[in-house]
Protein backbone atom coordinates (compact mmCIF):
# COMPACT_ATOMS: atom_id res chain seq x y z
CA UNK A 1 -102.49 67.99 -16.21
CA UNK A 2 -104.48 71.11 -14.69
CA UNK A 3 -107.63 69.74 -16.04
CA UNK A 4 -106.72 66.22 -14.40
CA UNK A 5 -105.99 67.58 -11.11
CA UNK A 6 -109.16 69.66 -11.02
CA UNK A 7 -111.29 66.43 -11.84
CA UNK A 8 -109.52 64.30 -9.02
CA UNK A 9 -110.17 67.26 -6.64
CA UNK A 10 -113.71 67.54 -7.27
CA UNK A 11 -113.98 63.45 -7.26
CA UNK A 12 -112.27 63.57 -3.88
CA UNK A 13 -114.67 66.30 -2.91
CA UNK A 14 -117.79 64.61 -4.23
CA UNK A 15 -116.78 61.37 -2.04
CA UNK A 16 -116.07 63.19 0.81
CA UNK A 17 -119.30 64.80 0.96
CA UNK A 18 -121.30 61.64 0.10
CA UNK A 19 -119.35 59.74 2.70
CA UNK A 20 -120.70 62.36 5.27
CA UNK A 21 -124.39 62.08 4.35
CA UNK A 22 -126.41 59.43 6.26
CA UNK A 23 -128.14 57.25 3.52
CA UNK A 24 -131.81 57.35 3.62
CA UNK A 25 -132.27 53.90 2.67
CA UNK A 26 -130.20 52.28 5.56
CA UNK A 27 -132.30 54.65 7.99
CA UNK A 28 -135.29 53.27 6.27
CA UNK A 29 -134.27 49.54 6.39
CA UNK A 30 -133.54 49.93 10.15
CA UNK A 31 -137.41 51.09 10.68
CA UNK A 32 -138.68 48.65 8.08
CA UNK A 33 -137.02 45.49 9.26
CA UNK A 34 -138.26 45.87 12.89
CA UNK A 35 -141.21 43.28 13.55
CA UNK A 36 -142.10 45.19 16.39
CA UNK A 37 -142.57 48.66 14.92
CA UNK A 38 -144.75 46.94 12.02
CA UNK A 39 -147.26 46.10 14.52
CA UNK A 40 -148.47 49.50 15.35
CA UNK A 41 -148.74 52.97 14.11
CA UNK A 42 -144.98 54.49 13.96
CA UNK A 43 -143.68 57.95 13.03
CA UNK A 44 -140.20 58.52 12.75
CA UNK A 45 -138.07 61.56 11.59
CA UNK A 46 -134.42 62.21 11.63
CA UNK A 47 -133.02 65.25 10.83
CA UNK A 48 -129.37 66.40 10.31
CA UNK A 49 -128.76 69.80 12.28
CA UNK A 50 -125.45 70.87 10.66
CA UNK A 51 -126.78 70.22 6.89
CA UNK A 52 -130.37 71.30 8.25
CA UNK A 53 -132.09 68.67 6.07
CA UNK A 54 -134.54 65.80 6.77
CA UNK A 55 -132.38 62.40 6.63
CA UNK A 56 -135.78 60.27 6.56
CA UNK A 57 -139.06 60.39 7.84
CA UNK A 58 -141.95 57.72 8.17
CA UNK A 59 -145.53 59.07 8.84
CA UNK A 60 -143.54 62.53 9.33
CA UNK A 61 -146.85 64.65 8.74
CA UNK A 62 -149.50 61.95 10.59
CA UNK A 63 -150.59 62.91 13.87
CA UNK A 64 -149.93 61.02 16.99
CA UNK A 65 -150.95 61.27 20.61
CA UNK A 66 -147.61 62.66 22.12
CA UNK A 67 -148.26 62.19 25.71
CA UNK A 68 -145.29 64.04 27.80
CA UNK A 69 -143.60 65.00 24.27
CA UNK A 70 -146.23 68.23 24.98
CA UNK A 71 -143.56 69.27 27.81
CA UNK A 72 -141.40 70.13 24.92
CA UNK A 73 -143.89 72.85 23.86
CA UNK A 74 -144.50 74.17 27.35
CA UNK A 75 -140.46 74.26 27.73
CA UNK A 76 -140.27 76.42 24.54
CA UNK A 77 -143.15 78.70 25.75
CA UNK A 78 -141.46 79.50 29.04
CA UNK A 79 -137.97 79.87 27.37
CA UNK A 80 -139.71 82.91 25.54
CA UNK A 81 -141.56 84.28 28.47
CA UNK A 82 -140.03 83.86 31.38
CA UNK A 83 -137.02 85.51 32.86
CA UNK A 84 -134.12 83.52 34.86
CA UNK A 85 -136.62 83.34 38.02
CA UNK A 86 -140.42 82.23 38.27
CA UNK A 87 -142.47 85.04 39.11
CA UNK A 88 -143.95 83.53 42.57
CA UNK A 89 -146.45 86.13 43.48
CA UNK A 90 -147.74 89.53 42.79
CA UNK A 91 -148.78 92.01 45.66
CA UNK A 92 -149.85 95.64 46.47
CA UNK A 93 -150.10 97.37 49.55
CA UNK A 94 -153.22 99.52 50.74
CA UNK A 95 -153.16 101.31 53.93
CA UNK A 96 -152.49 98.41 56.68
CA UNK A 97 -153.05 96.03 54.33
CA UNK A 98 -150.99 93.48 52.22
CA UNK A 99 -152.84 92.09 49.35
CA UNK A 100 -151.38 89.05 47.08
CA UNK A 101 -152.11 87.17 43.91
CA UNK A 102 -150.91 83.97 42.91
CA UNK A 103 -149.19 83.34 39.67
CA UNK A 104 -149.35 79.76 39.12
CA UNK A 105 -145.85 79.19 40.56
CA UNK A 106 -145.63 75.48 41.09
CA UNK A 107 -142.77 75.49 43.68
CA UNK A 108 -143.78 76.55 47.14
CA UNK A 109 -143.22 73.66 49.59
CA UNK A 110 -143.04 71.44 46.79
CA UNK A 111 -140.90 68.40 46.23
CA UNK A 112 -137.01 69.58 45.99
CA UNK A 113 -137.56 73.23 45.58
CA UNK A 114 -136.14 75.12 48.51
CA UNK A 115 -136.83 78.78 47.86
CA UNK A 116 -138.74 80.25 51.07
CA UNK A 117 -138.86 83.99 49.72
CA UNK A 118 -142.77 83.85 49.28
CA UNK A 119 -142.83 82.27 52.92
CA UNK A 120 -140.17 84.85 54.35
CA UNK A 121 -142.05 87.82 52.47
CA UNK A 122 -145.62 87.03 53.93
CA UNK A 123 -144.03 86.39 57.62
CA UNK A 124 -141.98 89.45 57.66
CA UNK A 125 -145.24 91.58 56.66
CA UNK A 126 -146.44 93.98 59.69
CA UNK A 127 -149.52 94.39 57.79
CA UNK A 128 -152.92 92.40 57.59
CA UNK A 129 -152.68 89.64 54.59
CA UNK A 130 -155.38 89.16 52.29
CA UNK A 131 -155.53 86.49 49.29
CA UNK A 132 -157.30 87.05 45.88
CA UNK A 133 -157.92 83.80 44.79
CA UNK A 134 -159.94 84.01 41.58
CA UNK A 135 -157.65 85.10 38.98
CA UNK A 136 -157.16 81.47 37.85
CA UNK A 137 -160.03 80.86 34.86
CA UNK A 138 -160.14 77.07 34.20
CA UNK A 139 -161.42 73.60 35.57
CA UNK A 140 -159.59 72.14 38.41
CA UNK A 141 -158.22 69.65 35.48
CA UNK A 142 -156.94 70.08 31.98
CA UNK A 143 -159.41 69.42 29.00
CA UNK A 144 -159.69 65.74 28.22
CA UNK A 145 -157.95 64.66 31.41
CA UNK A 146 -159.06 61.20 32.59
CA UNK A 147 -161.35 61.58 36.06
CA UNK A 148 -160.63 57.91 37.07
CA UNK A 149 -157.01 59.23 38.01
CA UNK A 150 -158.12 61.60 40.26
CA UNK A 151 -156.18 59.61 43.08
CA UNK A 152 -152.88 59.77 41.23
CA UNK A 153 -149.98 61.89 42.37
CA UNK A 154 -149.37 62.71 38.78
CA UNK A 155 -152.65 64.56 38.57
CA UNK A 156 -152.95 67.14 40.94
CA UNK A 157 -155.24 69.95 40.63
CA UNK A 158 -154.56 73.20 38.80
CA UNK A 159 -154.86 76.45 40.84
CA UNK A 160 -153.46 79.85 40.96
CA UNK A 161 -151.72 79.47 44.25
CA UNK A 162 -150.84 75.72 44.73
CA UNK A 163 -148.87 74.80 48.32
CA UNK A 164 -147.35 71.37 48.65
CA UNK A 165 -147.78 70.74 44.84
CA UNK A 166 -151.69 70.24 45.96
CA UNK A 167 -150.91 66.72 47.11
CA UNK A 168 -150.93 65.03 50.55
CA UNK A 169 -147.84 62.60 51.39
CA UNK A 170 -148.66 60.11 53.82
CA UNK A 171 -146.23 58.15 55.62
CA UNK A 172 -146.31 55.22 58.22
CA UNK A 173 -144.89 56.36 61.62
CA UNK A 174 -143.21 54.82 64.32
CA UNK A 175 -146.32 54.06 66.20
CA UNK A 176 -147.87 52.06 63.36
CA UNK A 177 -150.39 54.95 62.35
CA UNK A 178 -149.99 57.56 59.59
CA UNK A 179 -148.37 60.89 59.45
CA UNK A 180 -149.71 63.47 56.96
CA UNK A 181 -147.83 66.42 55.44
CA UNK A 182 -149.03 69.09 55.42
CA UNK A 183 -150.03 68.64 59.17
CA UNK A 184 -153.14 70.43 58.69
CA UNK A 185 -154.84 67.71 56.74
CA UNK A 186 -154.16 65.02 59.37
CA UNK A 187 -157.90 65.60 60.74
CA UNK A 188 -159.36 64.74 57.40
CA UNK A 189 -157.85 60.96 57.36
CA UNK A 190 -159.99 58.74 59.26
CA UNK A 191 -159.82 54.96 59.61
CA UNK A 192 -162.79 52.62 57.85
CA UNK A 193 -163.47 49.75 59.28
CA UNK A 194 -165.19 48.21 56.03
CA UNK A 195 -161.95 48.41 54.06
CA UNK A 196 -160.16 45.23 53.54
CA UNK A 197 -156.74 44.72 55.13
CA UNK A 198 -155.18 42.78 52.32
CA UNK A 199 -153.97 45.85 50.34
CA UNK A 200 -153.61 48.99 52.36
CA UNK A 201 -154.63 51.90 50.16
CA UNK A 202 -155.80 55.37 50.86
CA UNK A 203 -159.06 56.38 49.29
CA UNK A 204 -160.08 60.17 48.86
CA UNK A 205 -163.85 61.22 48.07
CA UNK A 206 -163.68 62.66 44.69
CA UNK A 207 -165.70 65.71 45.62
CA UNK A 208 -163.98 66.51 49.08
CA UNK A 209 -161.00 66.03 51.33
CA UNK A 210 -162.67 62.98 53.10
CA UNK A 211 -159.63 60.65 53.33
CA UNK A 212 -160.38 57.07 54.37
CA UNK A 213 -157.96 53.88 55.08
CA UNK A 214 -157.78 50.52 56.58
CA UNK A 215 -156.87 50.10 60.39
CA UNK A 216 -153.64 47.81 59.82
CA UNK A 217 -150.42 49.03 57.98
CA UNK A 218 -148.47 46.06 57.09
CA UNK A 219 -146.12 48.03 54.56
CA UNK A 220 -142.88 49.32 56.08
CA UNK A 221 -141.53 52.61 54.60
CA UNK A 222 -144.91 53.07 53.26
CA UNK A 223 -145.40 56.21 51.32
CA UNK A 224 -148.34 57.49 49.24
CA UNK A 225 -148.70 60.96 47.73
CA UNK A 226 -152.52 61.80 46.90
CA UNK A 227 -153.87 65.01 45.53
CA UNK A 228 -156.26 66.75 47.79
CA UNK A 229 -159.29 68.50 46.72
CA UNK A 230 -158.37 72.40 46.21
CA UNK A 231 -160.43 75.33 47.51
CA UNK A 232 -159.45 79.20 48.38
CA UNK A 233 -160.34 78.13 51.83
CA UNK A 234 -157.69 75.57 52.08
CA UNK A 235 -155.06 77.49 50.28
CA UNK A 236 -155.11 79.70 52.89
CA UNK A 237 -155.46 77.04 55.78
CA UNK A 238 -152.19 75.51 54.74
CA UNK A 239 -150.60 78.91 54.10
CA UNK A 240 -151.46 79.94 57.62
CA UNK A 241 -150.17 76.98 59.34
CA UNK A 242 -146.91 77.66 57.38
CA UNK A 243 -146.64 81.29 58.49
CA UNK A 244 -148.35 81.30 61.64
CA UNK A 245 -150.37 84.49 60.74
CA UNK A 246 -154.01 84.86 59.73
CA UNK A 247 -154.90 85.48 56.00
CA UNK A 248 -158.13 86.68 54.54
CA UNK A 249 -160.00 86.21 51.43
CA UNK A 250 -160.65 89.26 49.43
CA UNK A 251 -161.66 90.04 45.86
CA UNK A 252 -160.28 93.36 44.30
CA UNK A 253 -158.57 93.82 40.86
CA UNK A 254 -155.02 93.69 40.63
CA UNK A 255 -153.57 97.45 40.71
CA UNK A 256 -151.05 98.68 37.86
CA UNK A 257 -148.51 99.53 40.43
CA UNK A 258 -148.44 95.85 41.59
CA UNK A 259 -145.05 94.26 42.38
CA UNK A 260 -143.58 90.52 42.12
CA UNK A 261 -141.89 88.57 44.56
CA UNK A 262 -139.54 85.83 42.40
CA UNK A 263 -138.60 82.35 43.76
CA UNK A 264 -136.83 79.37 42.04
CA UNK A 265 -134.67 79.73 38.87
CA UNK A 266 -136.44 79.16 36.28
CA UNK A 267 -133.78 76.54 34.54
CA UNK A 268 -134.23 74.50 37.59
CA UNK A 269 -138.00 74.28 37.58
CA UNK A 270 -137.82 73.31 33.84
CA UNK A 271 -135.29 70.79 34.38
CA UNK A 272 -137.55 69.21 36.90
CA UNK A 273 -140.37 69.06 34.87
CA UNK A 274 -138.50 67.88 31.74
CA UNK A 275 -136.25 65.28 33.60
CA UNK A 276 -138.82 63.39 35.85
CA UNK A 277 -141.53 64.58 33.62
CA UNK A 278 -143.24 66.16 36.30
CA UNK A 279 -147.19 66.90 34.93
CA UNK A 280 -147.97 69.31 37.87
CA UNK A 281 -145.09 71.60 36.94
CA UNK A 282 -145.76 71.57 33.53
CA UNK A 283 -149.55 72.71 33.80
CA UNK A 284 -148.59 75.28 36.39
CA UNK A 285 -145.98 76.61 34.26
CA UNK A 286 -148.32 77.37 31.52
CA UNK A 287 -150.33 79.47 34.11
CA UNK A 288 -146.70 81.41 35.26
CA UNK A 289 -146.36 82.14 31.87
CA UNK A 290 -149.98 83.30 31.21
CA UNK A 291 -149.45 85.55 34.19
CA UNK A 292 -146.62 87.59 32.56
CA UNK A 293 -149.45 88.66 30.23
CA UNK A 294 -152.51 89.72 32.47
CA UNK A 295 -153.56 88.44 35.97
CA UNK A 296 -155.82 86.05 34.90
CA UNK A 297 -154.49 82.78 34.52
CA UNK A 298 -155.70 80.54 31.60
CA UNK A 299 -154.16 77.58 29.75
CA UNK A 300 -156.05 77.86 26.56
CA UNK A 301 -155.05 81.79 26.33
CA UNK A 302 -151.56 80.98 27.01
CA UNK A 303 -151.45 78.01 24.20
CA UNK A 304 -153.13 80.07 21.65
CA UNK A 305 -150.66 83.12 22.39
CA UNK A 306 -147.59 80.78 22.05
CA UNK A 307 -148.67 79.04 18.81
CA UNK A 308 -149.42 82.55 17.38
CA UNK A 309 -146.47 83.92 18.38
CA UNK A 310 -143.67 81.39 19.01
CA UNK A 311 -145.00 78.67 16.62
CA UNK A 312 -146.67 80.08 13.66
CA UNK A 313 -144.97 77.95 11.34
CA UNK A 314 -146.63 74.89 12.50
CA UNK A 315 -149.37 76.29 14.40
CA UNK A 316 -152.23 75.09 12.02
CA UNK A 317 -150.96 71.60 12.21
CA UNK A 318 -150.95 70.99 15.92
CA UNK A 319 -153.62 70.04 18.52
CA UNK A 320 -152.37 71.46 21.74
CA UNK A 321 -154.65 71.56 24.55
CA UNK A 322 -152.57 71.15 27.97
CA UNK A 323 -149.15 71.74 29.51
CA UNK A 324 -148.17 68.42 30.08
CA UNK A 325 -149.49 65.64 27.77
CA UNK A 326 -151.93 64.13 30.28
CA UNK A 327 -154.96 64.74 27.41
CA UNK A 328 -155.34 62.20 24.45
CA UNK A 329 -156.80 65.51 22.70
CA UNK A 330 -153.01 66.62 22.17
CA UNK A 331 -151.86 65.61 18.47
CA UNK A 332 -148.45 66.41 17.14
CA UNK A 333 -146.42 65.32 14.13
CA UNK A 334 -143.09 64.00 14.27
CA UNK A 335 -141.98 66.49 11.63
CA UNK A 336 -143.88 69.59 14.05
CA UNK A 337 -141.72 68.26 17.06
CA UNK A 338 -138.48 68.30 14.98
CA UNK A 339 -139.21 71.98 13.83
CA UNK A 340 -139.69 72.72 17.75
CA UNK A 341 -136.61 71.16 18.59
CA UNK A 342 -134.83 72.93 16.21
CA UNK A 343 -136.49 76.12 17.67
CA UNK A 344 -135.64 75.16 21.27
CA UNK A 345 -131.86 74.35 20.22
CA UNK A 346 -131.69 78.02 18.56
CA UNK A 347 -133.37 79.70 21.67
CA UNK A 348 -131.10 78.47 24.08
CA UNK A 349 -127.97 78.47 21.99
CA UNK A 350 -125.90 76.82 24.12
CA UNK A 351 -125.33 72.80 24.07
CA UNK A 352 -124.50 72.37 27.71
CA UNK A 353 -127.32 74.18 29.16
CA UNK A 354 -129.94 72.36 26.04
CA UNK A 355 -128.53 68.69 26.97
CA UNK A 356 -128.98 69.48 30.76
CA UNK A 357 -132.55 70.35 30.34
CA UNK A 358 -133.76 66.90 28.79
CA UNK A 359 -133.01 63.30 29.81
CA UNK A 360 -129.71 61.92 29.05
CA UNK A 361 -129.45 58.19 28.00
CA UNK A 362 -128.27 55.96 30.47
CA UNK A 363 -127.39 59.27 32.77
CA UNK A 364 -130.39 61.01 34.08
CA UNK A 365 -134.42 61.11 34.35
CA UNK A 366 -136.61 59.28 32.17
CA UNK A 367 -133.96 57.70 29.86
CA UNK A 368 -131.48 56.88 32.56
CA UNK A 369 -132.27 52.94 32.10
CA UNK A 370 -133.55 53.00 28.72
CA UNK A 371 -129.87 53.53 26.94
CA UNK A 372 -126.26 52.49 27.81
CA UNK A 373 -123.66 55.35 27.64
CA UNK A 374 -120.63 55.22 25.15
CA UNK A 375 -117.70 55.02 27.06
CA UNK A 376 -119.46 56.52 30.21
CA UNK A 377 -121.11 59.53 27.97
CA UNK A 378 -124.52 59.81 26.72
CA UNK A 379 -125.27 60.15 23.33
CA UNK A 380 -128.67 61.01 23.43
CA UNK A 381 -130.65 63.61 25.12
CA UNK A 382 -134.67 63.26 24.41
CA UNK A 383 -138.14 63.85 26.27
CA UNK A 384 -140.12 60.82 26.50
CA UNK A 385 -143.78 60.51 26.28
CA UNK A 386 -146.00 57.52 28.10
CA UNK A 387 -149.69 56.74 28.20
CA UNK A 388 -151.13 53.47 27.81
CA UNK A 389 -150.70 52.13 24.55
CA UNK A 390 -148.39 55.26 23.54
CA UNK A 391 -144.32 55.65 24.04
CA UNK A 392 -142.59 58.20 22.15
CA UNK A 393 -138.90 59.99 22.03
CA UNK A 394 -138.10 63.19 20.94
CA UNK A 395 -134.87 64.95 21.22
CA UNK A 396 -131.07 65.01 20.17
CA UNK A 397 -128.44 62.44 18.78
CA UNK A 398 -124.65 62.91 18.60
CA UNK A 399 -123.30 60.20 16.67
CA UNK A 400 -119.75 58.36 17.17
CA UNK A 401 -118.80 60.78 14.12
CA UNK A 402 -119.86 63.70 15.73
CA UNK A 403 -122.93 64.49 13.36
CA UNK A 404 -125.67 66.58 15.37
CA UNK A 405 -129.23 65.05 14.54
CA UNK A 406 -132.34 65.74 15.61
CA UNK A 407 -135.19 62.64 16.16
CA UNK A 408 -138.72 62.21 16.96
CA UNK A 409 -139.86 58.88 17.41
CA UNK A 410 -143.81 58.29 18.08
CA UNK A 411 -145.40 54.90 18.62
CA UNK A 412 -149.35 54.66 19.22
CA UNK A 413 -151.69 51.72 19.68
CA UNK A 414 -149.42 49.26 20.45
CA UNK A 415 -150.24 46.27 22.59
CA UNK A 416 -146.89 45.00 23.43
CA UNK A 417 -145.36 46.28 26.66
CA UNK A 418 -143.99 49.80 27.01
CA UNK A 419 -140.57 48.05 27.80
CA UNK A 420 -140.63 45.94 24.74
CA UNK A 421 -141.37 49.59 22.64
CA UNK A 422 -138.84 51.40 24.79
CA UNK A 423 -136.09 48.76 24.07
CA UNK A 424 -136.64 48.55 20.32
CA UNK A 425 -136.42 52.07 20.00
CA UNK A 426 -133.08 52.26 21.84
CA UNK A 427 -131.75 49.62 19.35
CA UNK A 428 -132.23 51.94 16.49
CA UNK A 429 -131.23 55.17 18.13
CA UNK A 430 -128.13 53.16 19.40
CA UNK A 431 -127.35 51.68 15.59
CA UNK A 432 -127.66 55.57 14.41
CA UNK A 433 -125.29 56.49 17.02
CA UNK A 434 -122.59 53.99 16.36
CA UNK A 435 -122.69 53.88 12.60
CA UNK A 436 -122.93 57.42 11.81
């Protein structure tokens, strides 16, 4: 009798354990039965976070162009290297002079960020102001970026001391003309009578801040955001306009007794980068991380440092060249992204905070319209990645039965529309949520 009861108990435990396991074959069937996914190069990895084991992978060790999935790697670097606030400016005083250096902080008068600490600090100083501008060690674009996109608002230039996101915002005003922010740039915009009036578009010369546009503006509510050509001199002019004080350029090394002014809360900046997939913030954040190690700001240096110190388990398996994913030279596998997402979760160790840093399906960011919620609650939190013929998602799922999963779903070289790929991915992820 005793052995019979023991046998029944073991049988029940084994049945219960089996019932808690997501069948590999059923996930495989979901992927393989998709006609859309069979048309292009697809990678998929699904990991059970509670059991700490891979459930299913297809092409899990193959390299894919990650697009903005790259921002997860920037996120993890920032989580390891930055405190609760962004270092915005390094400075030193010498006699009657205040000398300052940029840290790459992207937030100064940019987008929805409201901190005025840097401007208030410079305004309040009774000393002569000097900017050292030569500490960024890199090109104005990232490695492998498409130079044809220089007019696009998603590709501003990189600098040590960005202002206004290194982008001009152009509005149609009540008089029928244009208003430019920052105002200093208004004089650089000229009407070109040779432009066609059929389609209003502002153009900028690649090598300079010569902006031209057609005379007639038909579009109501017109807004265009255009990256401007950066230079130390322009940075100073834009800062002078904002603080109404003179600033001069100087070239001296950073002393050991420098001090730091901090700006926005780090999580607010990370959240902005992740939810709307802001390329500019991603690139500049790597420079901010670099500034915590040395005064010279270098994307390449900080990537190598991050790989060697925070991602050593898979550092040799990835090709990582920028912070945003604009470059097609980036190559990650679904499995390495799973490993990274595990690290991010462990580093944060707070599910509410973790989920707040990723777009939530049906609720926020780049997944707001990709998924429906379940009883008004999101069940998927993931970073998207989109380029031409590329669409990826990597993140976290909570199923109806409460299972906590990590996934990386990568699609390259498709010829269908991105909407079709996104819809098919959402169908599969939603099915996993509903069934398990």
